[in-house]
Amino acid sequence: MTTRFRGAIFLILLVILWEIAYRVFDWGWMFPSAQQTAQTLYDGILHGHLLEAVGGSLRRILVAFVLSCVIGMTLGVIFARNRLVDETLGFLVVALQTIPSIAWLPFAIIWFGLNDLSVIFITTIGATWTMTIATRTGIKNIPPLYIQAAQMYGTGRGLKLFYQVMIPASVPHLIMGMRMAWAFAWRALVSAELIARGIGLGQMLQEGRNIGDTSLMLCIVIIIAVIGTLSDRFFFKRMEDRVLIKYGLNGTKA
């Protein structure tokens, strides 16, 4: 029995138990049945408003994710290579990571208004610090022996050492940082979309709450979970495997 087959069987059993529990415990409107949720999902896809919301959210999160990776990696490299900056601004980044990104929403509304810029700002803030710390940790944890061996072969201490040795050696931390940043970005995105204007999954979640449509609310939660799982499995995991094979860091033959 393959892993995918076992997963499919588990999901089918889970849906069946869900439907049985709904009928036995009579949850009513407080929690929808599997049938109600499936019908809402079908109607949303058929009429297009769910797909439109997914498209709007994906557009925002992709912009914010790219920004957070660029900013986070840049700051992480600076912190790892400069002790003074690391002990000053690095300490500030650790403190900022403990602040929920939604706490910046009032400032974003004042600065940008209730629009996409506010959502992208909040989402970027939610993912940047995680990417920064992951990059810093990855470079800091490179064994000194790697650096010494590379310098013996003529890489020197400049840009050549950085992109030929330091970046490949820190790849596992960078990929893990990207996966975590993606998850944090989704959390920040949905939180910001609950308040901001526009079409997105967060706005539809708020709409479902306003009208008491729990099946719509659960559909949004399921869609977010599915997108997160698929992106991690078919993008980040495959990227990690290919990069590790390329640099010979996992012992697997290409």
C-alpha atoms as a PDB file:
ATOM      1  CA  MET A   1       0.000   0.000   0.000  1.00  0.00           C
ATOM      2  CA  THR A   2       1.582   3.281  -1.119  1.00  0.00           C
ATOM      3  CA  THR A   3       1.743   6.438   0.954  1.00  0.00           C
ATOM      4  CA  ARG A   4      -0.667   8.247  -1.360  1.00  0.00           C
ATOM      5  CA  PHE A   5      -3.169   5.401  -1.210  1.00  0.00           C
ATOM      6  CA  ARG A   6      -3.039   5.333   2.589  1.00  0.00           C
ATOM      7  CA  GLY A   7      -3.533   9.093   2.653  1.00  0.00           C
ATOM      8  CA  ALA A   8      -6.531   8.859   0.322  1.00  0.00           C
ATOM      9  CA  ILE A   9      -8.119   6.115   2.457  1.00  0.00           C
ATOM     10  CA  PHE A  10      -7.585   8.196   5.594  1.00  0.00           C
ATOM     11  CA  LEU A  11      -9.234  11.254   4.042  1.00  0.00           C
ATOM     12  CA  ILE A  12     -12.233   9.225   2.861  1.00  0.00           C
ATOM     13  CA  LEU A  13     -12.697   7.722   6.334  1.00  0.00           C
ATOM     14  CA  LEU A  14     -12.325  11.171   7.880  1.00  0.00           C
ATOM     15  CA  VAL A  15     -15.085  12.595   5.659  1.00  0.00           C
ATOM     16  CA  ILE A  16     -17.367   9.664   6.455  1.00  0.00           C
ATOM     17  CA  LEU A  17     -16.810  10.084  10.212  1.00  0.00           C
ATOM     18  CA  TRP A  18     -17.387  13.825   9.827  1.00  0.00           C
ATOM     19  CA  GLU A  19     -20.774  13.272   8.155  1.00  0.00           C
ATOM     20  CA  ILE A  20     -21.801  10.641  10.704  1.00  0.00           C
ATOM     21  CA  ALA A  21     -20.816  12.907  13.612  1.00  0.00           C
ATOM     22  CA  TYR A  22     -22.849  15.775  12.132  1.00  0.00           C
ATOM     23  CA  ARG A  23     -25.957  13.612  11.941  1.00  0.00           C
ATOM     24  CA  VAL A  24     -25.488  11.949  15.340  1.00  0.00           C
ATOM     25  CA  PHE A  25     -24.662  15.056  17.377  1.00  0.00           C
ATOM     26  CA  ASP A  26     -26.942  17.407  15.403  1.00  0.00           C
ATOM     27  CA  TRP A  27     -24.510  20.317  15.157  1.00  0.00           C
ATOM     28  CA  GLY A  28     -26.956  22.357  13.094  1.00  0.00           C
ATOM     29  CA  TRP A  29     -25.612  25.660  11.775  1.00  0.00           C
ATOM     30  CA  MET A  30     -22.721  25.765  14.272  1.00  0.00           C
ATOM     31  CA  PHE A  31     -20.601  23.373  12.182  1.00  0.00           C
ATOM     32  CA  PRO A  32     -21.492  22.245   8.654  1.00  0.00           C
ATOM     33  CA  SER A  33     -21.727  18.696   7.384  1.00  0.00           C
ATOM     34  CA  ALA A  34     -19.373  17.277   4.796  1.00  0.00           C
ATOM     35  CA  GLN A  35     -22.204  17.350   2.250  1.00  0.00           C
ATOM     36  CA  GLN A  36     -23.002  21.020   2.922  1.00  0.00           C
ATOM     37  CA  THR A  37     -19.339  21.970   2.688  1.00  0.00           C
ATOM     38  CA  ALA A  38     -18.887  20.062  -0.576  1.00  0.00           C
ATOM     39  CA  GLN A  39     -21.983  21.754  -2.035  1.00  0.00           C
ATOM     40  CA  THR A  40     -20.743  25.208  -1.032  1.00  0.00           C
ATOM     41  CA  LEU A  41     -17.339  24.447  -2.542  1.00  0.00           C
ATOM     42  CA  TYR A  42     -18.942  23.248  -5.777  1.00  0.00           C
ATOM     43  CA  ASP A  43     -21.185  26.306  -6.029  1.00  0.00           C
ATOM     44  CA  GLY A  44     -18.289  28.653  -5.297  1.00  0.00           C
ATOM     45  CA  ILE A  45     -16.154  27.119  -8.021  1.00  0.00           C
ATOM     46  CA  LEU A  46     -19.070  26.934 -10.466  1.00  0.00           C
ATOM     47  CA  HIS A  47     -19.993  30.597 -10.037  1.00  0.00           C
ATOM     48  CA  GLY A  48     -16.359  31.688  -9.905  1.00  0.00           C
ATOM     49  CA  HIS A  49     -16.310  33.747  -6.722  1.00  0.00           C
ATOM     50  CA  LEU A  50     -14.148  31.226  -4.842  1.00  0.00           C
ATOM     51  CA  LEU A  51     -11.656  31.069  -7.701  1.00  0.00           C
ATOM     52  CA  GLU A  52     -11.587  34.866  -7.849  1.00  0.00           C
ATOM     53  CA  ALA A  53     -10.854  35.007  -4.113  1.00  0.00           C
ATOM     54  CA  VAL A  54      -8.074  32.428  -4.445  1.00  0.00           C
ATOM     55  CA  GLY A  55      -6.546  34.399  -7.319  1.00  0.00           C
ATOM     56  CA  GLY A  56      -6.620  37.655  -5.354  1.00  0.00           C
ATOM     57  CA  SER A  57      -5.004  36.096  -2.292  1.00  0.00           C
ATOM     58  CA  LEU A  58      -2.345  34.278  -4.326  1.00  0.00           C
ATOM     59  CA  ARG A  59      -1.414  37.478  -6.118  1.00  0.00           C
ATOM     60  CA  ARG A  60      -0.927  39.321  -2.825  1.00  0.00           C
ATOM     61  CA  ILE A  61       0.952  36.533  -1.077  1.00  0.00           C
ATOM     62  CA  LEU A  62       3.334  35.910  -3.985  1.00  0.00           C
ATOM     63  CA  VAL A  63       4.334  39.573  -4.078  1.00  0.00           C
ATOM     64  CA  ALA A  64       4.784  39.647  -0.302  1.00  0.00           C
ATOM     65  CA  PHE A  65       6.660  36.325  -0.244  1.00  0.00           C
ATOM     66  CA  VAL A  66       9.180  37.437  -2.876  1.00  0.00           C
ATOM     67  CA  LEU A  67       9.743  40.692  -0.987  1.00  0.00           C
ATOM     68  CA  SER A  68      10.175  38.876   2.325  1.00  0.00           C
ATOM     69  CA  CYS A  69      12.696  36.436   0.816  1.00  0.00           C
ATOM     70  CA  VAL A  70      14.764  39.208  -0.778  1.00  0.00           C
ATOM     71  CA  ILE A  71      14.718  41.417   2.323  1.00  0.00           C
ATOM     72  CA  GLY A  72      15.126  38.525   4.754  1.00  0.00           C
ATOM     73  CA  MET A  73      18.049  36.911   2.939  1.00  0.00           C
ATOM     74  CA  THR A  74      19.809  40.247   2.541  1.00  0.00           C
ATOM     75  CA  LEU A  75      19.471  41.079   6.234  1.00  0.00           C
ATOM     76  CA  GLY A  76      20.431  37.537   7.245  1.00  0.00           C
ATOM     77  CA  VAL A  77      23.654  37.662   5.229  1.00  0.00           C
ATOM     78  CA  ILE A  78      24.537  41.071   6.689  1.00  0.00           C
ATOM     79  CA  PHE A  79      23.896  39.865  10.241  1.00  0.00           C
ATOM     80  CA  ALA A  80      25.937  36.708   9.708  1.00  0.00           C
ATOM     81  CA  ARG A  81      28.935  38.572   8.252  1.00  0.00           C
ATOM     82  CA  ASN A  82      28.978  41.666  10.463  1.00  0.00           C
ATOM     83  CA  ARG A  83      29.150  41.140  14.217  1.00  0.00           C
ATOM     84  CA  LEU A  84      28.363  44.752  15.122  1.00  0.00           C
ATOM     85  CA  VAL A  85      25.221  44.820  12.988  1.00  0.00           C
ATOM     86  CA  ASP A  86      24.213  41.407  14.295  1.00  0.00           C
ATOM     87  CA  GLU A  87      24.490  42.519  17.931  1.00  0.00           C
ATOM     88  CA  THR A  88      22.448  45.665  17.314  1.00  0.00           C
ATOM     89  CA  LEU A  89      19.940  45.304  14.481  1.00  0.00           C
ATOM     90  CA  GLY A  90      19.972  41.519  14.862  1.00  0.00           C
ATOM     91  CA  PHE A  91      18.678  41.875  18.403  1.00  0.00           C
ATOM     92  CA  LEU A  92      15.909  44.132  17.088  1.00  0.00           C
ATOM     93  CA  VAL A  93      14.847  41.561  14.479  1.00  0.00           C
ATOM     94  CA  VAL A  94      14.506  38.878  17.147  1.00  0.00           C
ATOM     95  CA  ALA A  95      12.306  41.253  19.136  1.00  0.00           C
ATOM     96  CA  LEU A  96      10.203  42.109  16.058  1.00  0.00           C
ATOM     97  CA  GLN A  97       9.612  38.441  15.302  1.00  0.00           C
ATOM     98  CA  THR A  98       7.760  38.051  18.605  1.00  0.00           C
ATOM     99  CA  ILE A  99       5.230  40.725  17.594  1.00  0.00           C
ATOM    100  CA  PRO A 100       2.183  39.323  15.748  1.00  0.00           C
ATOM    101  CA  SER A 101       2.099  40.800  12.265  1.00  0.00           C
ATOM    102  CA  ILE A 102      -1.556  41.771  12.690  1.00  0.00           C
ATOM    103  CA  ALA A 103      -0.423  44.252  15.366  1.00  0.00           C
ATOM    104  CA  TRP A 104       0.981  46.400  12.526  1.00  0.00           C
ATOM    105  CA  LEU A 105      -2.387  46.545  10.751  1.00  0.00           C
ATOM    106  CA  PRO A 106      -3.513  49.851  12.331  1.00  0.00           C
ATOM    107  CA  PHE A 107      -0.266  51.469  11.163  1.00  0.00           C
ATOM    108  CA  ALA A 108      -0.660  49.946   7.690  1.00  0.00           C
ATOM    109  CA  ILE A 109      -4.189  51.345   7.419  1.00  0.00           C
ATOM    110  CA  ILE A 110      -2.960  54.808   8.446  1.00  0.00           C
ATOM    111  CA  TRP A 111      -0.017  54.707   6.050  1.00  0.00           C
ATOM    112  CA  PHE A 112      -1.575  52.988   3.022  1.00  0.00           C
ATOM    113  CA  GLY A 113      -5.338  52.840   3.604  1.00  0.00           C
ATOM    114  CA  LEU A 114      -7.675  49.841   3.327  1.00  0.00           C
ATOM    115  CA  ASN A 115      -6.176  48.429   0.138  1.00  0.00           C
ATOM    116  CA  ASP A 116      -3.780  45.837  -1.265  1.00  0.00           C
ATOM    117  CA  LEU A 117      -0.705  47.756  -0.100  1.00  0.00           C
ATOM    118  CA  SER A 118      -1.746  47.320   3.518  1.00  0.00           C
ATOM    119  CA  VAL A 119      -2.291  43.589   3.040  1.00  0.00           C
ATOM    120  CA  ILE A 120       1.041  43.129   1.225  1.00  0.00           C
ATOM    121  CA  PHE A 121       2.846  45.138   3.912  1.00  0.00           C
ATOM    122  CA  ILE A 122       1.381  43.048   6.745  1.00  0.00           C
ATOM    123  CA  THR A 123       2.093  39.801   4.886  1.00  0.00           C
ATOM    124  CA  THR A 124       5.677  40.831   4.153  1.00  0.00           C
ATOM    125  CA  ILE A 125       6.266  41.769   7.779  1.00  0.00           C
ATOM    126  CA  GLY A 126       4.850  38.406   8.836  1.00  0.00           C
ATOM    127  CA  ALA A 127       7.409  36.446   6.796  1.00  0.00           C
ATOM    128  CA  THR A 128      10.519  38.633   6.606  1.00  0.00           C
ATOM    129  CA  TRP A 129      11.875  38.134  10.121  1.00  0.00           C
ATOM    130  CA  THR A 130      11.594  34.348   9.886  1.00  0.00           C
ATOM    131  CA  MET A 131      13.532  34.404   6.621  1.00  0.00           C
ATOM    132  CA  THR A 132      16.132  36.718   8.148  1.00  0.00           C
ATOM    133  CA  ILE A 133      16.789  34.490  11.146  1.00  0.00           C
ATOM    134  CA  ALA A 134      16.873  31.325   9.020  1.00  0.00           C
ATOM    135  CA  THR A 135      19.436  32.862   6.644  1.00  0.00           C
ATOM    136  CA  ARG A 136      21.584  34.123   9.508  1.00  0.00           C
ATOM    137  CA  THR A 137      21.456  30.730  11.229  1.00  0.00           C
ATOM    138  CA  GLY A 138      22.297  28.872   8.024  1.00  0.00           C
ATOM    139  CA  ILE A 139      25.420  30.929   7.348  1.00  0.00           C
ATOM    140  CA  LYS A 140      26.497  31.010  11.012  1.00  0.00           C
ATOM    141  CA  ASN A 141      26.264  27.207  11.248  1.00  0.00           C
ATOM    142  CA  ILE A 142      28.556  26.501   8.295  1.00  0.00           C
ATOM    143  CA  PRO A 143      31.416  24.327   9.650  1.00  0.00           C
ATOM    144  CA  PRO A 144      34.679  26.326   9.656  1.00  0.00           C
ATOM    145  CA  LEU A 145      36.340  23.339   7.986  1.00  0.00           C
ATOM    146  CA  TYR A 146      34.315  24.036   4.820  1.00  0.00           C
ATOM    147  CA  ILE A 147      35.579  27.598   4.694  1.00  0.00           C
ATOM    148  CA  GLN A 148      39.177  26.613   5.362  1.00  0.00           C
ATOM    149  CA  ALA A 149      39.133  23.844   2.748  1.00  0.00           C
ATOM    150  CA  ALA A 150      37.625  26.166   0.142  1.00  0.00           C
ATOM    151  CA  GLN A 151      40.218  28.847   0.840  1.00  0.00           C
ATOM    152  CA  MET A 152      42.987  26.290   0.430  1.00  0.00           C
ATOM    153  CA  TYR A 153      41.637  25.641  -3.065  1.00  0.00           C
ATOM    154  CA  GLY A 154      41.762  29.326  -3.936  1.00  0.00           C
ATOM    155  CA  THR A 155      38.287  30.730  -3.288  1.00  0.00           C
ATOM    156  CA  GLY A 156      39.678  33.553  -1.137  1.00  0.00           C
ATOM    157  CA  ARG A 157      37.411  35.513   1.187  1.00  0.00           C
ATOM    158  CA  GLY A 158      35.272  37.481  -1.215  1.00  0.00           C
ATOM    159  CA  LEU A 159      32.281  36.930  -3.475  1.00  0.00           C
ATOM    160  CA  LYS A 160      33.611  33.645  -4.847  1.00  0.00           C
ATOM    161  CA  LEU A 161      33.675  32.088  -1.379  1.00  0.00           C
ATOM    162  CA  PHE A 162      30.188  33.409  -0.718  1.00  0.00           C
ATOM    163  CA  TYR A 163      28.363  31.961  -3.724  1.00  0.00           C
ATOM    164  CA  GLN A 164      30.467  28.799  -4.184  1.00  0.00           C
ATOM    165  CA  VAL A 165      30.635  27.645  -0.565  1.00  0.00           C
ATOM    166  CA  MET A 166      28.533  29.644   1.875  1.00  0.00           C
ATOM    167  CA  ILE A 167      25.259  29.682  -0.071  1.00  0.00           C
ATOM    168  CA  PRO A 168      25.314  25.941  -0.963  1.00  0.00           C
ATOM    169  CA  ALA A 169      26.269  25.003   2.605  1.00  0.00           C
ATOM    170  CA  SER A 170      23.405  27.046   4.053  1.00  0.00           C
ATOM    171  CA  VAL A 171      20.792  25.743   1.593  1.00  0.00           C
ATOM    172  CA  PRO A 172      18.987  23.440   4.087  1.00  0.00           C
ATOM    173  CA  HIS A 173      18.384  26.376   6.429  1.00  0.00           C
ATOM    174  CA  LEU A 174      17.372  28.642   3.536  1.00  0.00           C
ATOM    175  CA  ILE A 175      14.798  26.168   2.229  1.00  0.00           C
ATOM    176  CA  MET A 176      13.411  25.584   5.714  1.00  0.00           C
ATOM    177  CA  GLY A 177      13.256  29.340   6.204  1.00  0.00           C
ATOM    178  CA  MET A 178      11.301  29.725   2.972  1.00  0.00           C
ATOM    179  CA  ARG A 179       8.836  27.020   3.997  1.00  0.00           C
ATOM    180  CA  MET A 180       8.287  28.654   7.377  1.00  0.00           C
ATOM    181  CA  ALA A 181       8.049  32.115   5.807  1.00  0.00           C
ATOM    182  CA  TRP A 182       5.382  30.826   3.401  1.00  0.00           C
ATOM    183  CA  ALA A 183       3.323  29.488   6.327  1.00  0.00           C
ATOM    184  CA  PHE A 184       3.694  32.722   8.317  1.00  0.00           C
ATOM    185  CA  ALA A 185       2.809  34.735   5.223  1.00  0.00           C
ATOM    186  CA  TRP A 186      -0.491  32.868   4.858  1.00  0.00           C
ATOM    187  CA  ARG A 187      -1.392  33.550   8.482  1.00  0.00           C
ATOM    188  CA  ALA A 188      -0.625  37.233   8.104  1.00  0.00           C
ATOM    189  CA  LEU A 189      -2.425  37.452   4.751  1.00  0.00           C
ATOM    190  CA  VAL A 190      -5.717  36.030   5.992  1.00  0.00           C
ATOM    191  CA  SER A 191      -5.596  38.182   9.133  1.00  0.00           C
ATOM    192  CA  ALA A 192      -5.039  41.336   7.094  1.00  0.00           C
ATOM    193  CA  GLU A 193      -7.690  40.428   4.504  1.00  0.00           C
ATOM    194  CA  LEU A 194     -10.295  40.100   7.243  1.00  0.00           C
ATOM    195  CA  ILE A 195     -10.276  43.887   7.521  1.00  0.00           C
ATOM    196  CA  ALA A 196      -8.931  45.261   4.246  1.00  0.00           C
ATOM    197  CA  ARG A 197     -11.090  45.786   1.172  1.00  0.00           C
ATOM    198  CA  GLY A 198     -10.869  43.757  -2.012  1.00  0.00           C
ATOM    199  CA  ILE A 199     -11.401  40.192  -3.178  1.00  0.00           C
ATOM    200  CA  GLY A 200      -9.588  37.489  -1.239  1.00  0.00           C
ATOM    201  CA  LEU A 201      -9.987  34.463   0.985  1.00  0.00           C
ATOM    202  CA  GLY A 202      -9.861  36.567   4.138  1.00  0.00           C
ATOM    203  CA  GLN A 203     -12.671  38.804   2.891  1.00  0.00           C
ATOM    204  CA  MET A 204     -14.799  35.759   2.056  1.00  0.00           C
ATOM    205  CA  LEU A 205     -14.102  34.335   5.516  1.00  0.00           C
ATOM    206  CA  GLN A 206     -15.353  37.583   7.013  1.00  0.00           C
ATOM    207  CA  GLU A 207     -18.384  37.514   4.713  1.00  0.00           C
ATOM    208  CA  GLY A 208     -19.206  33.996   5.885  1.00  0.00           C
ATOM    209  CA  ARG A 209     -18.990  35.117   9.500  1.00  0.00           C
ATOM    210  CA  ASN A 210     -21.248  38.115   8.869  1.00  0.00           C
ATOM    211  CA  ILE A 211     -24.019  36.005   7.366  1.00  0.00           C
ATOM    212  CA  GLY A 212     -23.483  32.976   9.613  1.00  0.00           C
ATOM    213  CA  ASP A 213     -22.518  30.699   6.702  1.00  0.00           C
ATOM    214  CA  THR A 214     -20.266  28.184   8.446  1.00  0.00           C
ATOM    215  CA  SER A 215     -19.989  26.004   5.336  1.00  0.00           C
ATOM    216  CA  LEU A 216     -18.419  28.927   3.446  1.00  0.00           C
ATOM    217  CA  MET A 217     -16.080  29.608   6.357  1.00  0.00           C
ATOM    218  CA  LEU A 218     -14.973  25.986   6.447  1.00  0.00           C
ATOM    219  CA  CYS A 219     -14.484  25.980   2.664  1.00  0.00           C
ATOM    220  CA  ILE A 220     -12.023  28.866   3.017  1.00  0.00           C
ATOM    221  CA  VAL A 221     -10.133  27.032   5.761  1.00  0.00           C
ATOM    222  CA  ILE A 222      -9.944  23.872   3.622  1.00  0.00           C
ATOM    223  CA  ILE A 223      -8.785  25.819   0.555  1.00  0.00           C
ATOM    224  CA  ILE A 224      -5.985  27.472   2.537  1.00  0.00           C
ATOM    225  CA  ALA A 225      -4.907  24.094   3.936  1.00  0.00           C
ATOM    226  CA  VAL A 226      -4.928  22.493   0.475  1.00  0.00           C
ATOM    227  CA  ILE A 227      -2.936  25.319  -1.119  1.00  0.00           C
ATOM    228  CA  GLY A 228      -0.419  25.196   1.720  1.00  0.00           C
ATOM    229  CA  THR A 229      -0.012  21.427   1.461  1.00  0.00           C
ATOM    230  CA  LEU A 230       0.305  21.378  -2.320  1.00  0.00           C
ATOM    231  CA  SER A 231       2.783  24.262  -2.432  1.00  0.00           C
ATOM    232  CA  ASP A 232       4.952  22.638   0.239  1.00  0.00           C
ATOM    233  CA  ARG A 233       4.828  19.182  -1.345  1.00  0.00           C
ATOM    234  CA  PHE A 234       5.177  20.074  -5.010  1.00  0.00           C
ATOM    235  CA  PHE A 235       7.290  23.235  -4.833  1.00  0.00           C
ATOM    236  CA  PHE A 236       9.359  23.644  -1.681  1.00  0.00           C
ATOM    237  CA  LYS A 237      10.031  19.930  -1.132  1.00  0.00           C
ATOM    238  CA  ARG A 238      10.988  19.343  -4.760  1.00  0.00           C
ATOM    239  CA  MET A 239      13.150  22.452  -4.805  1.00  0.00           C
ATOM    240  CA  GLU A 240      14.899  21.261  -1.645  1.00  0.00           C
ATOM    241  CA  ASP A 241      15.527  17.794  -3.091  1.00  0.00           C
ATOM    242  CA  ARG A 242      16.902  19.169  -6.363  1.00  0.00           C
ATOM    243  CA  VAL A 243      19.187  21.676  -4.670  1.00  0.00           C
ATOM    244  CA  LEU A 244      20.518  19.111  -2.199  1.00  0.00           C
ATOM    245  CA  ILE A 245      21.209  16.658  -5.032  1.00  0.00           C
ATOM    246  CA  LYS A 246      22.906  19.380  -7.090  1.00  0.00           C
ATOM    247  CA  TYR A 247      25.280  20.287  -4.278  1.00  0.00           C
ATOM    248  CA  GLY A 248      25.724  16.694  -3.092  1.00  0.00           C
ATOM    249  CA  LEU A 249      24.367  17.376   0.383  1.00  0.00           C
ATOM    250  CA  ASN A 250      22.067  14.370   0.788  1.00  0.00           C
ATOM    251  CA  GLY A 251      23.989  11.473  -0.618  1.00  0.00           C
ATOM    252  CA  THR A 252      21.336  10.748  -3.271  1.00  0.00           C
ATOM    253  CA  LYS A 253      22.410  10.134  -6.801  1.00  0.00           C
ATOM    254  CA  ALA A 254      20.992  12.484  -9.390  1.00  0.00           C
END
